[in-house]
Amino acid sequence: MTSVNVVFMGNLLYPEGLAETKRFQHFIDGVMEGEGNSAHILLLRQSHPGRDDRRLAGEHRGVQYRTIGQDISSRISLPLATLRYLFGGCRFLGQARLREGRNVLFLYGEPNLESFAFVIWARILGYQVLVDIVEDSYLVSTTAPLASRLKAWSAAWATRHMHWFADGIVVISSYLEQKLRSVAGDVPVQLIPISVDLERIPESSGGFHWPVKMLYAGSFGEKDGIENLIAAFEDVASECPETELIMTGRGSTERMASILERIRVSPFAGRIRYLGYLSDDEYFKVIGECDIPCVVRSPSEFADRGFPFKLGEYLATGRPVVTARVSDVEMYLTDRVNAMVVDPGSVQAIVAAIKYLLADEARALAIGRAGRVVAAEHFSARQSGRRLLQLIAGMERS
């Protein structure tokens, strides 16, 4: 493949964030490993409590990044801020483009109201467009804010007309692969599932800690089944005093208030530790010290159409993982062989899985080691990067 210049664009936190940030970074790393390749990063808005101007632009892992639109709000200055946003994005694409060479715009998420202008401008400038889809844009709550619903509806419309916008499509699950193939026409669609940087998560050694540490890390949305996990831990804790539940990550203000209150009233509140939102270094240290990582989704269409990203990182620890039977999980994992696979939403199933692991530590550790093998074979970040480069090479020939 000839060398390529890729502009990575998306509305996500950077350089540190949750699952989407890690997927984004793994693809950037993959492109930069190609000889002669170059990359730039354009972040759309990236505003949240605690994000300051010092982190809106800079360099990370050898690639420059810049944020636009962080000042967009519902205030009277919205029209001016929107014009600055549009001008800034189009100017960035123009400046990042190689005059002689191949240019690709990698868009995280479907085109929508906040990115339509940039996708169209990129195509005018001669960029090919590659879209990465990790969620089903049709699934949006009718109680969501109007701006969120408009954004989701525009993404759903773009999905139905993806052949107008994209030269290549990446998807995270087989459901999305089938859906996009049905609407993409001749546009190539590549399944690239969750990814994990195995070099950052060395396999844990030795037996369980004392007390045994269950872990949940990630978002705290309705889909994540946090209340079920807490209820399951309480059941286990009543019989197994040397256990504790570690939780880290974040959710909406309302969700976090509800979950923290649920922890407060638990009879085992002293053995449930919420660590807040951690930096990447802190997070990798915590998961490296856990014993039973858990990703227990609630039953929902959302859970079945995407893929739980944390699963790859959990498997990489070499510890036995308790995971919900959602989406493509059973394409890669077998219950009691390389993970404990449970029905989503079932507190009893979570309890049974944890007790099974606690009852036989040697068997539990063997399941964990087998899970690490699955992570290495199917979810390696290096492998994901190579798949992306192969798709880009195919776009060049099309």
Protein backbone atom coordinates (compact mmCIF):
# COMPACT_ATOMS: atom_id res chain seq x y z
CA MET A 1 0.00 0.00 0.00
CA THR A 2 1.26 3.49 -0.80
CA SER A 3 1.66 5.82 2.17
CA VAL A 4 -1.47 7.58 3.40
CA ASN A 5 -2.31 10.71 5.38
CA VAL A 6 -5.27 10.14 7.74
CA VAL A 7 -7.25 12.79 9.62
CA PHE A 8 -9.00 11.12 12.58
CA MET A 9 -12.15 13.01 13.57
CA GLY A 10 -14.77 12.42 16.26
CA ASN A 11 -16.71 13.80 19.20
CA LEU A 12 -14.93 12.03 22.05
CA LEU A 13 -12.58 12.75 24.92
CA TYR A 14 -8.89 12.79 24.08
CA PRO A 15 -6.14 11.89 24.84
CA GLU A 16 -7.69 10.04 27.79
CA GLY A 17 -11.25 8.81 27.92
CA LEU A 18 -13.45 5.75 27.98
CA ALA A 19 -13.87 2.92 25.47
CA GLU A 20 -14.29 5.05 22.36
CA THR A 21 -11.05 6.90 23.07
CA LYS A 22 -9.07 3.67 23.31
CA ARG A 23 -10.55 2.30 20.07
CA PHE A 24 -9.76 5.62 18.37
CA GLN A 25 -6.17 5.51 19.66
CA HIS A 26 -5.59 1.92 18.60
CA PHE A 27 -6.53 2.83 15.03
CA ILE A 28 -4.27 5.88 15.11
CA ASP A 29 -1.39 3.71 16.33
CA GLY A 30 -2.11 1.22 13.55
CA VAL A 31 -1.91 3.88 10.85
CA MET A 32 1.30 5.34 12.29
CA GLU A 33 2.98 1.93 12.17
CA GLY A 34 2.69 1.96 8.38
CA GLU A 35 5.82 3.20 6.65
CA GLY A 36 5.51 6.79 5.43
CA ASN A 37 2.03 7.28 6.91
CA SER A 38 0.99 10.45 8.72
CA ALA A 39 -1.96 11.36 10.95
CA HIS A 40 -3.78 14.35 12.41
CA ILE A 41 -6.59 14.45 14.98
CA LEU A 42 -9.60 16.78 14.87
CA LEU A 43 -11.87 16.62 17.92
CA LEU A 44 -15.42 17.95 17.78
CA ARG A 45 -16.37 19.92 20.90
CA GLN A 46 -14.87 17.56 23.52
CA SER A 47 -16.36 19.54 26.38
CA HIS A 48 -17.15 18.13 29.80
CA PRO A 49 -16.64 19.12 33.46
CA GLY A 50 -12.94 19.19 34.28
CA ARG A 51 -11.75 19.54 30.68
CA ASP A 52 -9.65 22.70 30.45
CA ASP A 53 -8.08 24.55 27.54
CA ARG A 54 -4.68 23.01 28.22
CA ARG A 55 -6.03 19.61 27.14
CA LEU A 56 -7.96 20.76 24.09
CA ALA A 57 -4.89 20.76 21.86
CA GLY A 58 -1.43 19.26 21.95
CA GLU A 59 0.52 16.18 20.92
CA HIS A 60 -0.07 12.61 22.01
CA ARG A 61 2.01 9.63 20.97
CA GLY A 62 3.62 11.66 18.23
CA VAL A 63 0.39 12.99 16.66
CA GLN A 64 -0.96 16.52 16.96
CA TYR A 65 -4.57 16.98 18.07
CA ARG A 66 -6.88 19.98 18.12
CA THR A 67 -10.39 20.63 19.43
CA ILE A 68 -13.00 22.85 17.79
CA GLY A 69 -16.43 23.91 19.01
CA GLN A 70 -15.72 23.56 22.73
CA ASP A 71 -17.45 26.91 23.26
CA ILE A 72 -20.72 25.88 21.60
CA SER A 73 -23.64 26.14 24.04
CA SER A 74 -27.25 27.28 24.13
CA ARG A 75 -26.24 30.82 25.04
CA ILE A 76 -26.86 33.86 22.84
CA SER A 77 -23.37 33.45 21.37
CA LEU A 78 -24.36 30.14 19.72
CA PRO A 79 -24.49 31.46 16.12
CA LEU A 80 -21.01 32.95 16.33
CA ALA A 81 -19.59 29.87 18.05
CA THR A 82 -21.15 27.65 15.38
CA LEU A 83 -19.57 29.71 12.58
CA ARG A 84 -16.18 29.47 14.28
CA TYR A 85 -16.71 25.72 14.60
CA LEU A 86 -17.50 25.25 10.92
CA PHE A 87 -14.70 27.50 9.74
CA GLY A 88 -12.19 25.90 12.10
CA GLY A 89 -13.01 22.36 10.98
CA CYS A 90 -12.90 23.13 7.27
CA ARG A 91 -9.66 25.08 7.70
CA PHE A 92 -8.09 22.18 9.61
CA LEU A 93 -8.98 19.71 6.85
CA GLY A 94 -7.48 22.02 4.26
CA GLN A 95 -4.26 22.49 6.20
CA ALA A 96 -3.88 18.78 7.01
CA ARG A 97 -4.36 17.64 3.41
CA LEU A 98 -1.33 16.52 1.45
CA ARG A 99 -1.11 18.33 -1.88
CA GLU A 100 0.45 15.30 -3.49
CA GLY A 101 -0.54 12.03 -1.92
CA ARG A 102 -3.47 10.10 -0.59
CA ASN A 103 -5.75 11.57 2.09
CA VAL A 104 -8.34 9.76 4.18
CA LEU A 105 -10.82 11.18 6.71
CA PHE A 106 -11.54 8.64 9.47
CA LEU A 107 -14.83 9.57 11.13
CA TYR A 108 -15.68 7.97 14.49
CA GLY A 109 -19.45 7.46 14.40
CA GLU A 110 -21.92 8.02 11.60
CA PRO A 111 -22.08 11.37 9.80
CA ASN A 112 -24.59 13.57 11.60
CA LEU A 113 -25.58 17.20 12.07
CA GLU A 114 -22.29 18.11 13.74
CA SER A 115 -20.08 16.46 11.10
CA PHE A 116 -22.00 16.62 7.79
CA ALA A 117 -20.25 19.83 6.71
CA PHE A 118 -16.79 18.41 7.35
CA VAL A 119 -17.47 15.13 5.55
CA ILE A 120 -18.76 16.99 2.48
CA TRP A 121 -15.86 19.45 2.55
CA ALA A 122 -13.35 16.62 2.90
CA ARG A 123 -14.76 14.90 -0.18
CA ILE A 124 -14.56 18.18 -2.12
CA LEU A 125 -10.89 18.43 -1.10
CA GLY A 126 -10.24 14.92 -2.42
CA TYR A 127 -10.28 12.93 0.81
CA GLN A 128 -11.65 9.42 0.90
CA VAL A 129 -13.94 8.92 3.90
CA LEU A 130 -13.81 5.95 6.26
CA VAL A 131 -16.56 5.67 8.90
CA ASP A 132 -16.32 3.67 12.14
CA ILE A 133 -19.72 2.60 13.55
CA VAL A 134 -19.95 1.18 17.08
CA GLU A 135 -23.61 1.76 17.99
CA ASP A 136 -27.01 1.52 16.37
CA SER A 137 -28.06 5.08 15.61
CA TYR A 138 -31.75 4.09 15.53
CA LEU A 139 -31.76 3.52 19.28
CA VAL A 140 -32.38 6.84 21.00
CA SER A 141 -34.67 7.51 23.94
CA THR A 142 -37.75 9.60 23.24
CA THR A 143 -37.00 11.41 26.51
CA ALA A 144 -33.50 12.42 25.42
CA PRO A 145 -32.84 16.16 24.91
CA LEU A 146 -33.99 17.51 21.55
CA ALA A 147 -30.42 18.16 20.38
CA SER A 148 -29.47 14.55 21.10
CA ARG A 149 -32.53 13.24 19.26
CA LEU A 150 -31.83 15.43 16.23
CA LYS A 151 -28.24 14.22 16.17
CA ALA A 152 -29.35 10.59 16.38
CA TRP A 153 -32.03 11.01 13.72
CA SER A 154 -29.54 12.63 11.35
CA ALA A 155 -27.12 9.74 11.96
CA ALA A 156 -29.88 7.22 11.24
CA TRP A 157 -30.65 9.00 7.97
CA ALA A 158 -26.95 9.02 7.04
CA THR A 159 -26.73 5.29 7.79
CA ARG A 160 -29.48 4.57 5.26
CA HIS A 161 -27.52 6.59 2.68
CA MET A 162 -24.01 5.63 3.70
CA HIS A 163 -22.96 5.05 0.09
CA TRP A 164 -23.26 8.83 -0.39
CA PHE A 165 -20.79 9.60 2.38
CA ALA A 166 -18.29 6.76 2.76
CA ASP A 167 -15.64 4.94 0.76
CA GLY A 168 -15.21 2.35 3.51
CA ILE A 169 -16.99 1.34 6.71
CA VAL A 170 -15.71 -0.25 9.92
CA VAL A 171 -18.16 -1.86 12.36
CA ILE A 172 -17.68 -3.34 15.83
CA SER A 173 -20.26 -6.18 15.75
CA SER A 174 -21.72 -8.73 13.37
CA TYR A 175 -25.18 -7.14 13.76
CA LEU A 176 -23.84 -3.81 12.52
CA GLU A 177 -21.89 -5.59 9.78
CA GLN A 178 -25.08 -7.17 8.44
CA LYS A 179 -27.03 -3.93 8.77
CA LEU A 180 -24.44 -1.81 6.95
CA ARG A 181 -23.89 -4.35 4.19
CA SER A 182 -27.59 -4.12 3.43
CA VAL A 183 -27.43 -0.35 2.81
CA ALA A 184 -23.84 0.32 1.76
CA GLY A 185 -24.02 -0.93 -1.82
CA ASP A 186 -20.49 -1.43 -3.15
CA VAL A 187 -18.84 0.32 -0.19
CA PRO A 188 -16.60 -2.21 1.63
CA VAL A 189 -17.63 -3.06 5.20
CA GLN A 190 -15.04 -4.48 7.61
CA LEU A 191 -15.81 -6.04 11.00
CA ILE A 192 -13.13 -4.98 13.49
CA PRO A 193 -14.31 -5.90 17.00
CA ILE A 194 -13.14 -4.55 20.34
CA SER A 195 -9.40 -4.10 20.80
CA VAL A 196 -6.93 -4.15 23.67
CA ASP A 197 -3.31 -3.06 24.00
CA LEU A 198 -1.86 -6.26 25.42
CA GLU A 199 1.44 -4.56 26.16
CA ARG A 200 -0.25 -2.22 28.65
CA ILE A 201 -2.03 -5.04 30.47
CA PRO A 202 0.46 -7.75 31.46
CA GLU A 203 -1.09 -11.04 32.46
CA SER A 204 -1.70 -11.22 36.22
CA SER A 205 0.29 -13.86 38.07
CA GLY A 206 -0.34 -15.76 41.27
CA GLY A 207 -3.62 -16.64 42.93
CA PHE A 208 -6.53 -14.53 44.07
CA HIS A 209 -5.93 -11.59 46.35
CA TRP A 210 -7.25 -11.61 49.88
CA PRO A 211 -9.88 -10.23 49.99
CA VAL A 212 -10.95 -11.33 46.50
CA LYS A 213 -11.58 -8.26 44.37
CA MET A 214 -14.53 -8.11 41.98
CA LEU A 215 -14.30 -5.21 39.51
CA TYR A 216 -16.53 -3.06 37.34
CA ALA A 217 -14.99 -0.23 35.28
CA GLY A 218 -16.59 1.89 32.60
CA SER A 219 -19.75 3.88 32.02
CA PHE A 220 -22.64 3.77 34.47
CA GLY A 221 -25.57 3.89 32.06
CA GLU A 222 -28.86 2.05 32.31
CA LYS A 223 -27.51 -0.60 29.90
CA ASP A 224 -24.61 -1.53 32.18
CA GLY A 225 -26.55 -3.41 34.84
CA ILE A 226 -24.74 -1.80 37.79
CA GLU A 227 -27.62 -2.30 40.21
CA ASN A 228 -27.73 -6.01 39.33
CA LEU A 229 -23.99 -6.32 39.98
CA ILE A 230 -24.32 -4.65 43.38
CA ALA A 231 -27.23 -6.95 44.28
CA ALA A 232 -25.21 -9.99 43.21
CA PHE A 233 -22.23 -8.84 45.25
CA GLU A 234 -24.44 -8.47 48.33
CA ASP A 235 -25.60 -12.06 47.93
CA VAL A 236 -22.00 -13.30 47.59
CA ALA A 237 -20.72 -11.06 50.38
CA SER A 238 -23.26 -12.45 52.84
CA GLU A 239 -21.61 -15.88 52.51
CA CYS A 240 -18.04 -14.92 51.59
CA PRO A 241 -16.72 -12.25 53.96
CA GLU A 242 -13.35 -11.97 52.20
CA THR A 243 -14.71 -10.31 49.06
CA GLU A 244 -15.02 -6.73 47.92
CA LEU A 245 -16.39 -4.86 44.91
CA ILE A 246 -14.27 -2.19 43.22
CA MET A 247 -15.97 0.25 40.83
CA THR A 248 -14.53 3.00 38.65
CA GLY A 249 -15.76 5.15 35.78
CA ARG A 250 -18.56 7.65 35.41
CA GLY A 251 -22.09 8.28 34.23
CA SER A 252 -24.58 11.12 34.11
CA THR A 253 -25.06 13.21 37.24
CA GLU A 254 -28.46 11.62 37.87
CA ARG A 255 -27.19 8.07 37.36
CA MET A 256 -24.19 8.54 39.62
CA ALA A 257 -26.34 10.03 42.37
CA SER A 258 -28.64 7.02 42.18
CA ILE A 259 -25.82 4.48 42.20
CA LEU A 260 -23.91 6.14 45.02
CA GLU A 261 -27.10 6.17 47.08
CA ARG A 262 -27.59 2.47 46.29
CA ILE A 263 -24.08 1.80 47.60
CA ARG A 264 -24.68 3.93 50.69
CA VAL A 265 -27.73 1.92 51.80
CA SER A 266 -26.12 -1.46 51.09
CA PRO A 267 -25.50 -3.62 54.18
CA PHE A 268 -22.05 -4.22 52.70
CA ALA A 269 -21.29 -0.60 51.83
CA GLY A 270 -17.95 -0.85 53.62
CA ARG A 271 -16.82 -3.47 51.11
CA ILE A 272 -17.92 -1.56 47.98
CA ARG A 273 -15.34 0.99 46.87
CA TYR A 274 -16.11 3.54 44.17
CA LEU A 275 -12.81 5.04 43.00
CA GLY A 276 -14.22 7.71 40.70
CA TYR A 277 -12.90 8.35 37.21
CA LEU A 278 -9.25 7.30 36.87
CA SER A 279 -6.47 8.28 34.49
CA ASP A 280 -5.34 5.57 32.10
CA ASP A 281 -2.28 4.71 34.21
CA GLU A 282 -4.39 4.46 37.38
CA TYR A 283 -7.04 2.42 35.58
CA PHE A 284 -4.60 -0.14 34.19
CA LYS A 285 -3.06 -0.52 37.64
CA VAL A 286 -6.48 -1.19 39.18
CA ILE A 287 -7.57 -3.80 36.65
CA GLY A 288 -4.17 -5.49 36.98
CA GLU A 289 -4.86 -5.96 40.69
CA CYS A 290 -8.40 -7.33 40.36
CA ASP A 291 -9.50 -10.98 40.57
CA ILE A 292 -12.94 -11.23 38.92
CA PRO A 293 -13.70 -8.50 36.35
CA CYS A 294 -17.41 -8.20 35.53
CA VAL A 295 -19.25 -6.80 32.53
CA VAL A 296 -22.91 -7.54 33.23
CA ARG A 297 -25.18 -5.76 30.79
CA SER A 298 -28.91 -5.34 31.18
CA PRO A 299 -31.00 -7.01 28.47
CA SER A 300 -31.55 -4.43 25.73
CA GLU A 301 -31.36 -3.89 22.00
CA PHE A 302 -28.47 -1.50 22.62
CA ALA A 303 -26.41 -4.20 24.32
CA ASP A 304 -27.11 -6.74 21.57
CA ARG A 305 -26.13 -4.46 18.69
CA GLY A 306 -22.78 -3.10 19.88
CA PHE A 307 -20.03 -4.94 21.76
CA PRO A 308 -18.81 -4.35 25.37
CA PHE A 309 -15.37 -2.81 24.83
CA LYS A 310 -14.13 -3.45 28.37
CA LEU A 311 -14.39 -7.18 27.76
CA GLY A 312 -11.11 -7.16 25.83
CA GLU A 313 -9.24 -5.41 28.62
CA TYR A 314 -10.74 -7.69 31.23
CA LEU A 315 -9.75 -10.83 29.32
CA ALA A 316 -6.24 -9.47 28.88
CA THR A 317 -5.68 -9.50 32.65
CA GLY A 318 -5.68 -13.30 32.61
CA ARG A 319 -8.29 -13.30 35.37
CA PRO A 320 -11.65 -15.10 35.03
CA VAL A 321 -14.21 -12.72 33.56
CA VAL A 322 -17.94 -12.71 34.23
CA THR A 323 -19.67 -11.39 31.09
CA ALA A 324 -23.23 -11.07 29.90
CA ARG A 325 -24.41 -13.15 26.96
CA VAL A 326 -24.95 -10.21 24.59
CA SER A 327 -24.02 -9.32 21.02
CA ASP A 328 -21.07 -11.36 19.67
CA VAL A 329 -19.78 -12.56 23.05
CA GLU A 330 -20.46 -16.23 22.30
CA MET A 331 -18.65 -15.97 18.96
CA TYR A 332 -15.45 -15.79 21.02
CA LEU A 333 -16.20 -17.13 24.51
CA THR A 334 -17.55 -20.38 25.94
CA ASP A 335 -19.05 -20.55 29.40
CA ARG A 336 -16.74 -22.11 32.01
CA VAL A 337 -13.98 -22.56 29.41
CA ASN A 338 -12.53 -19.08 28.86
CA ALA A 339 -15.08 -16.93 30.73
CA MET A 340 -18.22 -17.14 32.81
CA VAL A 341 -21.04 -16.26 30.41
CA VAL A 342 -24.31 -15.30 32.11
CA ASP A 343 -27.77 -14.20 31.05
CA PRO A 344 -28.03 -10.39 30.95
CA GLY A 345 -30.12 -8.95 33.77
CA SER A 346 -30.00 -12.09 35.93
CA VAL A 347 -28.70 -11.44 39.45
CA GLN A 348 -28.91 -15.17 40.21
CA ALA A 349 -26.71 -16.02 37.22
CA ILE A 350 -24.07 -13.52 38.32
CA VAL A 351 -24.11 -14.93 41.84
CA ALA A 352 -23.79 -18.50 40.58
CA ALA A 353 -20.86 -17.57 38.32
CA ILE A 354 -18.94 -15.83 41.09
CA LYS A 355 -19.54 -18.65 43.57
CA TYR A 356 -18.36 -21.14 40.94
CA LEU A 357 -15.07 -19.23 40.64
CA LEU A 358 -14.61 -18.83 44.39
CA ALA A 359 -15.24 -22.52 44.98
CA ASP A 360 -12.23 -23.65 42.94
CA GLU A 361 -9.42 -21.12 42.56
CA ALA A 362 -7.28 -23.35 40.33
CA ARG A 363 -10.14 -23.86 37.90
CA ALA A 364 -10.94 -20.14 37.99
CA LEU A 365 -7.35 -19.20 37.15
CA ALA A 366 -7.33 -21.68 34.26
CA ILE A 367 -10.43 -19.99 32.84
CA GLY A 368 -8.66 -16.64 33.18
CA ARG A 369 -5.57 -17.84 31.32
CA ALA A 370 -7.76 -19.19 28.52
CA GLY A 371 -9.50 -15.82 28.32
CA ARG A 372 -6.15 -14.08 27.84
CA VAL A 373 -5.52 -16.35 24.85
CA VAL A 374 -8.83 -15.23 23.31
CA ALA A 375 -7.86 -11.57 23.80
CA ALA A 376 -4.51 -12.16 22.10
CA GLU A 377 -6.00 -14.09 19.17
CA HIS A 378 -9.02 -11.91 18.43
CA PHE A 379 -8.77 -8.50 20.11
CA SER A 380 -5.13 -7.41 19.82
CA ALA A 381 -4.81 -3.69 19.08
CA ARG A 382 -1.98 -4.45 16.65
CA GLN A 383 -4.27 -6.83 14.77
CA SER A 384 -7.01 -4.16 14.66
CA GLY A 385 -4.53 -1.66 13.25
CA ARG A 386 -3.48 -4.08 10.52
CA ARG A 387 -7.12 -4.73 9.58
CA LEU A 388 -7.73 -1.00 9.28
CA LEU A 389 -4.70 -0.58 7.00
CA GLN A 390 -5.92 -3.47 4.85
CA LEU A 391 -9.31 -1.80 4.47
CA ILE A 392 -7.65 1.50 3.53
CA ALA A 393 -5.51 -0.35 0.97
CA GLY A 394 -8.68 -1.87 -0.51
CA MET A 395 -10.24 1.60 -0.76
CA GLU A 396 -7.19 2.70 -2.76
CA ARG A 397 -7.81 0.01 -5.35
CA SER A 398 -11.56 0.60 -5.58
